[in-house]
Amino acid sequence: MGSILSDLRYTVLAGMVLVVVFFFIYANGQGYESMTFWTFFFRWAHVLSGVMWIGLLWYFNFVQIPNMPNIPDEQKPAIGKVIAPAALFWFRWGAMATLITGLILAMLSGYLIEALTIGISEGFAVPKHVAIGLGMWLAIIMFINVWFVIWPNQKIALGIIDAPDDAKPAAARTAMLFSRTNTMLSFPMFFGMVSAQNLY
């Protein structure tokens, strides 16, 4: 067991094997109709990728950014050159996977257009579509912030791309402010998503 847990790839692979085992246990007990399975699969993938995305967003905002002033200057390069680039890789691709799986899930569930129009196409008559639509649009705004504001500015701030030294502090501040924006939006986004599934 130690060899599996000592290597992240083996740990993730073991987790996926357990998922397959769970799937066969459940399938053997009741069977799965094709559409039900795919809807479930994309909901699972959506939640999994969302945990990666928002977990890292909250790591940056609740752990890394507030504690950077407490780190001695000689140790800061380890964060900027090693930890932050790795975290940003999973952060931005987690955002991409969350968006794609969420749109597929909405399509398979039959409310993609209704959600994207925030229920306008139905005269706001279906509260679930309004709630999920608001959550989806907040997530889309957050995704745009990740890929088109936070990541480009982080590349400058961390020196991943060449830029004048005086551009780095401004880029770091812009990335931080948009990351904080996403943190703020994550709370109502989750409210819209969860309320759509549980209140309506």
Protein backbone atom coordinates (compact mmCIF):
# COMPACT_ATOMS: atom_id res chain seq x y z
CA MET A 1 0.00 0.00 0.00
CA GLY A 2 2.88 2.35 0.76
CA SER A 3 4.16 2.12 -2.83
CA ILE A 4 0.72 3.12 -4.17
CA LEU A 5 0.40 6.08 -1.82
CA SER A 6 4.00 7.22 -2.32
CA ASP A 7 3.42 7.99 -6.02
CA LEU A 8 0.60 10.39 -6.93
CA ARG A 9 -0.03 8.67 -10.27
CA TYR A 10 -0.57 5.33 -8.56
CA THR A 11 -2.77 6.97 -5.93
CA VAL A 12 -5.00 8.54 -8.60
CA LEU A 13 -5.06 5.29 -10.59
CA ALA A 14 -6.07 3.36 -7.45
CA GLY A 15 -8.86 5.88 -6.86
CA MET A 16 -10.13 5.37 -10.41
CA VAL A 17 -10.01 1.59 -9.97
CA LEU A 18 -12.20 2.00 -6.88
CA VAL A 19 -14.62 4.09 -8.97
CA VAL A 20 -14.87 1.26 -11.52
CA VAL A 21 -15.47 -1.24 -8.70
CA PHE A 22 -18.23 0.99 -7.28
CA PHE A 23 -19.74 1.30 -10.73
CA PHE A 24 -19.94 -2.47 -11.19
CA ILE A 25 -21.38 -2.96 -7.70
CA TYR A 26 -24.16 -0.45 -8.41
CA ALA A 27 -24.70 -1.63 -11.98
CA ASN A 28 -24.98 -5.24 -10.84
CA GLY A 29 -27.62 -4.25 -8.29
CA GLN A 30 -29.90 -2.20 -10.53
CA GLY A 31 -28.43 -1.77 -13.99
CA TYR A 32 -28.10 1.53 -15.79
CA GLU A 33 -30.08 2.94 -18.67
CA SER A 34 -27.65 4.62 -21.09
CA MET A 35 -28.85 8.23 -20.71
CA THR A 36 -29.04 7.91 -16.93
CA PHE A 37 -25.47 6.64 -16.83
CA TRP A 38 -24.06 9.42 -19.03
CA THR A 39 -25.92 12.11 -17.10
CA PHE A 40 -24.55 10.66 -13.88
CA PHE A 41 -21.03 10.34 -15.36
CA PHE A 42 -20.87 13.97 -16.46
CA ARG A 43 -22.32 15.15 -13.13
CA TRP A 44 -19.58 13.17 -11.34
CA ALA A 45 -16.88 14.56 -13.68
CA HIS A 46 -18.32 18.08 -13.25
CA VAL A 47 -18.17 17.86 -9.45
CA LEU A 48 -14.70 16.28 -9.53
CA SER A 49 -13.24 18.97 -11.79
CA GLY A 50 -15.09 21.69 -9.87
CA VAL A 51 -13.49 20.52 -6.63
CA MET A 52 -10.07 20.79 -8.31
CA TRP A 53 -10.82 24.28 -9.66
CA ILE A 54 -12.48 25.89 -6.65
CA GLY A 55 -10.22 24.04 -4.21
CA LEU A 56 -7.19 25.65 -5.82
CA LEU A 57 -8.93 29.03 -6.06
CA TRP A 58 -9.54 28.89 -2.33
CA TYR A 59 -5.98 27.62 -1.69
CA PHE A 60 -4.61 30.70 -3.48
CA ASN A 61 -6.93 33.11 -1.65
CA PHE A 62 -7.10 31.58 1.82
CA VAL A 63 -3.57 30.16 2.09
CA GLN A 64 -0.96 31.30 -0.43
CA ILE A 65 -1.70 35.00 -0.98
CA PRO A 66 -2.32 35.92 2.70
CA ASN A 67 0.82 34.08 3.82
CA MET A 68 3.26 35.35 1.18
CA PRO A 69 4.31 38.34 3.35
CA ASN A 70 5.26 35.89 6.14
CA ILE A 71 7.63 33.90 3.91
CA PRO A 72 11.31 34.99 4.05
CA ASP A 73 12.46 36.59 0.79
CA GLU A 74 15.03 33.86 0.12
CA GLN A 75 12.26 31.21 0.20
CA LYS A 76 9.75 33.05 -2.03
CA PRO A 77 11.30 31.81 -5.31
CA ALA A 78 10.23 28.26 -4.35
CA ILE A 79 6.61 29.44 -4.37
CA GLY A 80 6.88 31.51 -7.54
CA LYS A 81 8.98 29.09 -9.57
CA VAL A 82 7.75 25.69 -8.38
CA ILE A 83 4.47 25.63 -6.43
CA ALA A 84 2.49 28.43 -8.11
CA PRO A 85 3.09 27.29 -11.73
CA ALA A 86 2.07 23.72 -10.85
CA ALA A 87 -1.02 24.92 -8.97
CA LEU A 88 -1.94 27.26 -11.83
CA PHE A 89 -1.73 24.38 -14.33
CA TRP A 90 -4.33 22.33 -12.42
CA PHE A 91 -6.30 25.49 -11.62
CA ARG A 92 -6.85 26.57 -15.22
CA TRP A 93 -7.43 23.07 -16.61
CA GLY A 94 -9.79 22.33 -13.71
CA ALA A 95 -11.73 25.43 -14.77
CA MET A 96 -11.83 24.20 -18.39
CA ALA A 97 -13.00 20.71 -17.40
CA THR A 98 -15.64 22.15 -15.05
CA LEU A 99 -17.06 24.38 -17.78
CA ILE A 100 -17.12 21.67 -20.46
CA THR A 101 -18.59 18.96 -18.23
CA GLY A 102 -21.16 21.42 -16.87
CA LEU A 103 -22.38 22.39 -20.34
CA ILE A 104 -22.57 18.73 -21.38
CA LEU A 105 -24.45 17.91 -18.17
CA ALA A 106 -26.97 20.71 -18.78
CA MET A 107 -27.48 19.45 -22.34
CA LEU A 108 -27.99 15.83 -21.23
CA SER A 109 -30.35 17.01 -18.47
CA GLY A 110 -32.43 18.91 -21.03
CA TYR A 111 -32.07 22.45 -19.68
CA LEU A 112 -29.04 23.92 -21.46
CA ILE A 113 -30.90 26.66 -23.39
CA GLU A 114 -33.24 27.41 -20.49
CA ALA A 115 -30.29 27.78 -18.12
CA LEU A 116 -28.17 29.87 -20.49
CA THR A 117 -31.12 32.23 -20.96
CA ILE A 118 -31.63 32.24 -17.15
CA GLY A 119 -35.21 31.15 -17.67
CA ILE A 120 -36.13 34.11 -19.90
CA SER A 121 -37.23 31.70 -22.65
CA GLU A 122 -39.81 30.32 -20.19
CA GLY A 123 -40.85 33.64 -18.68
CA PHE A 124 -38.93 32.79 -15.49
CA ALA A 125 -41.58 30.14 -14.77
CA VAL A 126 -39.12 27.40 -13.78
CA PRO A 127 -37.13 28.50 -10.69
CA LYS A 128 -34.65 25.63 -11.13
CA HIS A 129 -33.62 26.96 -14.55
CA VAL A 130 -33.22 30.49 -13.18
CA ALA A 131 -31.06 29.24 -10.29
CA ILE A 132 -28.88 26.94 -12.38
CA GLY A 133 -28.64 29.61 -15.08
CA LEU A 134 -27.37 32.23 -12.64
CA GLY A 135 -24.86 29.70 -11.30
CA MET A 136 -23.76 28.78 -14.83
CA TRP A 137 -23.23 32.40 -15.86
CA LEU A 138 -21.21 33.14 -12.74
CA ALA A 139 -19.07 30.06 -13.51
CA ILE A 140 -18.62 31.23 -17.12
CA ILE A 141 -17.49 34.67 -15.92
CA MET A 142 -15.10 32.99 -13.49
CA PHE A 143 -13.76 30.76 -16.30
CA ILE A 144 -13.14 33.82 -18.50
CA ASN A 145 -11.31 35.49 -15.60
CA VAL A 146 -9.09 32.42 -15.16
CA TRP A 147 -8.07 31.99 -18.78
CA PHE A 148 -8.04 35.57 -20.05
CA VAL A 149 -7.03 37.67 -17.03
CA ILE A 150 -5.54 35.64 -14.16
CA TRP A 151 -3.37 33.24 -16.18
CA PRO A 152 -1.92 35.86 -18.60
CA ASN A 153 -1.07 38.16 -15.69
CA GLN A 154 0.37 35.33 -13.59
CA LYS A 155 2.68 34.41 -16.47
CA ILE A 156 4.07 37.96 -16.32
CA ALA A 157 4.20 38.12 -12.51
CA LEU A 158 5.96 34.75 -12.18
CA GLY A 159 8.40 35.40 -15.02
CA ILE A 160 7.05 32.52 -17.13
CA ILE A 161 7.11 34.91 -20.09
CA ASP A 162 9.53 37.77 -20.68
CA ALA A 163 8.27 41.12 -19.44
CA PRO A 164 9.86 44.24 -17.97
CA ASP A 165 10.49 43.97 -14.23
CA ASP A 166 8.29 46.99 -13.56
CA ALA A 167 5.32 45.18 -15.18
CA LYS A 168 5.43 42.30 -12.68
CA PRO A 169 3.91 44.05 -9.62
CA ALA A 170 0.99 45.43 -11.68
CA ALA A 171 0.38 42.00 -13.25
CA ALA A 172 0.51 40.32 -9.84
CA ARG A 173 -2.02 42.81 -8.45
CA THR A 174 -4.37 42.35 -11.41
CA ALA A 175 -4.18 38.56 -11.07
CA MET A 176 -4.84 38.82 -7.32
CA LEU A 177 -7.84 41.15 -7.76
CA PHE A 178 -9.46 38.92 -10.37
CA SER A 179 -8.72 35.85 -8.23
CA ARG A 180 -10.46 37.61 -5.34
CA THR A 181 -13.34 38.43 -7.70
CA ASN A 182 -13.66 34.73 -8.50
CA THR A 183 -13.56 33.88 -4.79
CA MET A 184 -16.40 36.34 -4.19
CA LEU A 185 -18.42 34.93 -7.12
CA SER A 186 -17.82 31.32 -6.03
CA PHE A 187 -20.24 31.66 -3.10
CA PRO A 188 -23.33 32.75 -5.08
CA MET A 189 -22.27 30.41 -7.91
CA PHE A 190 -22.41 27.44 -5.53
CA PHE A 191 -25.70 28.71 -4.13
CA GLY A 192 -27.22 28.75 -7.63
CA MET A 193 -25.92 25.29 -8.47
CA VAL A 194 -26.87 23.61 -5.20
CA SER A 195 -30.24 25.34 -4.82
CA ALA A 196 -31.21 24.27 -8.34
CA GLN A 197 -30.64 20.64 -7.34
CA ASN A 198 -32.14 20.77 -3.87
CA LEU A 199 -34.71 23.56 -3.48
CA TYR A 200 -36.70 23.20 -6.71
